[in-house]
C-alpha atoms as a PDB file:
ATOM      1  CA  MET A   1      90.616 103.326 105.103  1.00  0.00           C
ATOM      2  CA  ALA A   2      89.678 103.989 101.843  1.00  0.00           C
ATOM      3  CA  SER A   3      87.211 100.601 102.115  1.00  0.00           C
ATOM      4  CA  THR A   4      85.461 101.457 105.383  1.00  0.00           C
ATOM      5  CA  LYS A   5      84.724 104.174 107.369  1.00  0.00           C
ATOM      6  CA  PRO A   6      86.852 105.192 110.694  1.00  0.00           C
ATOM      7  CA  LYS A   7      84.591 105.007 113.773  1.00  0.00           C
ATOM      8  CA  VAL A   8      85.149 107.645 116.681  1.00  0.00           C
ATOM      9  CA  GLY A   9      86.759 106.890 119.745  1.00  0.00           C
ATOM     10  CA  GLU A  10      89.039 104.666 116.841  1.00  0.00           C
ATOM     11  CA  THR A  11      93.258 105.840 116.558  1.00  0.00           C
ATOM     12  CA  VAL A  12      94.118 106.742 113.153  1.00  0.00           C
ATOM     13  CA  GLU A  13      97.183 108.331 111.642  1.00  0.00           C
ATOM     14  CA  TRP A  14      97.631 110.873 108.402  1.00  0.00           C
ATOM     15  CA  SER A  15     100.690 112.720 107.243  1.00  0.00           C
ATOM     16  CA  THR A  16     101.451 116.677 107.735  1.00  0.00           C
ATOM     17  CA  SER A  17     103.761 118.497 106.303  1.00  0.00           C
ATOM     18  CA  GLN A  18     106.011 117.479 109.885  1.00  0.00           C
ATOM     19  CA  GLY A  19     105.522 113.710 108.981  1.00  0.00           C
ATOM     20  CA  LYS A  20     102.623 110.521 109.909  1.00  0.00           C
ATOM     21  CA  THR A  21     100.511 111.519 113.124  1.00  0.00           C
ATOM     22  CA  THR A  22      98.384 109.626 115.265  1.00  0.00           C
ATOM     23  CA  GLY A  23      95.019 110.384 117.098  1.00  0.00           C
ATOM     24  CA  THR A  24      91.923 109.201 118.013  1.00  0.00           C
ATOM     25  CA  VAL A  25      88.839 110.014 116.158  1.00  0.00           C
ATOM     26  CA  VAL A  26      86.581 112.467 117.811  1.00  0.00           C
ATOM     27  CA  ARG A  27      83.750 112.999 115.151  1.00  0.00           C
ATOM     28  CA  LYS A  28      81.955 112.354 112.270  1.00  0.00           C
ATOM     29  CA  VAL A  29      81.506 115.398 111.068  1.00  0.00           C
ATOM     30  CA  THR A  30      78.536 115.844 108.225  1.00  0.00           C
ATOM     31  CA  HIS A  31      77.870 119.288 106.886  1.00  0.00           C
ATOM     32  CA  THR A  32      80.367 122.440 107.500  1.00  0.00           C
ATOM     33  CA  ALA A  33      82.314 123.092 110.009  1.00  0.00           C
ATOM     34  CA  LYS A  34      85.680 125.457 110.982  1.00  0.00           C
ATOM     35  CA  VAL A  35      88.280 123.778 113.225  1.00  0.00           C
ATOM     36  CA  GLU A  36      91.778 125.835 113.612  1.00  0.00           C
ATOM     37  CA  GLY A  37      91.064 128.023 110.832  1.00  0.00           C
ATOM     38  CA  HIS A  38      90.196 125.399 108.614  1.00  0.00           C
ATOM     39  CA  THR A  39      86.536 124.956 106.545  1.00  0.00           C
ATOM     40  CA  ALA A  40      85.369 121.953 106.028  1.00  0.00           C
ATOM     41  CA  LYS A  41      82.369 121.065 103.661  1.00  0.00           C
ATOM     42  CA  ALA A  42      81.020 117.836 104.962  1.00  0.00           C
ATOM     43  CA  THR A  43      78.386 116.697 103.625  1.00  0.00           C
ATOM     44  CA  GLN A  44      76.086 113.062 104.489  1.00  0.00           C
ATOM     45  CA  ALA A  45      76.452 112.123 101.409  1.00  0.00           C
ATOM     46  CA  GLU A  46      80.571 112.852 102.283  1.00  0.00           C
ATOM     47  CA  PRO A  47      81.025 112.958 105.276  1.00  0.00           C
ATOM     48  CA  GLN A  48      84.437 114.216 107.056  1.00  0.00           C
ATOM     49  CA  TYR A  49      86.089 112.683 110.326  1.00  0.00           C
ATOM     50  CA  GLU A  50      86.905 115.283 113.128  1.00  0.00           C
ATOM     51  CA  VAL A  51      90.794 114.248 114.612  1.00  0.00           C
ATOM     52  CA  LYS A  52      92.481 114.723 117.808  1.00  0.00           C
ATOM     53  CA  SER A  53      96.244 114.640 117.373  1.00  0.00           C
ATOM     54  CA  SER A  54      97.903 112.576 120.394  1.00  0.00           C
ATOM     55  CA  LYS A  55     100.696 114.454 120.764  1.00  0.00           C
ATOM     56  CA  THR A  56      99.956 117.788 120.700  1.00  0.00           C
ATOM     57  CA  GLY A  57      95.942 117.758 121.355  1.00  0.00           C
ATOM     58  CA  LYS A  58      94.847 119.677 119.105  1.00  0.00           C
ATOM     59  CA  THR A  59      92.124 118.996 116.374  1.00  0.00           C
ATOM     60  CA  ALA A  60      91.649 118.987 112.467  1.00  0.00           C
ATOM     61  CA  ILE A  61      89.086 117.833 110.079  1.00  0.00           C
ATOM     62  CA  HIS A  62      90.290 114.976 106.975  1.00  0.00           C
ATOM     63  CA  LYS A  63      88.616 112.930 104.280  1.00  0.00           C
ATOM     64  CA  PRO A  64      88.128 109.387 105.157  1.00  0.00           C
ATOM     65  CA  GLY A  65      90.698 108.553 103.082  1.00  0.00           C
ATOM     66  CA  ALA A  66      93.869 110.469 104.401  1.00  0.00           C
ATOM     67  CA  LEU A  67      93.266 108.202 107.369  1.00  0.00           C
ATOM     68  CA  LYS A  68      94.631 104.871 107.932  1.00  0.00           C
ATOM     69  CA  ARG A  69      94.483 102.580 110.879  1.00  0.00           C
ATOM     70  CA  SER A  70      96.943 102.565 113.433  1.00  0.00           C
ATOM     71  CA  GLY A  71      98.540  99.706 115.072  1.00  0.00           C
END
């Protein structure tokens, strides 16, 4: 997704230490935010995206380059 930014509600995949995971984009993050013990330092100029795993239901915040459209 390097060229296009993910959109809320879109299904994406990303890599984890356990392998590929899929989930849904929950929100665009444009400020410092903390999720599951991780602090993401996003800004308006460099937003990050909160995603919810389809398998575990847990949420995480990733940079757009780490997310890829699923399907």
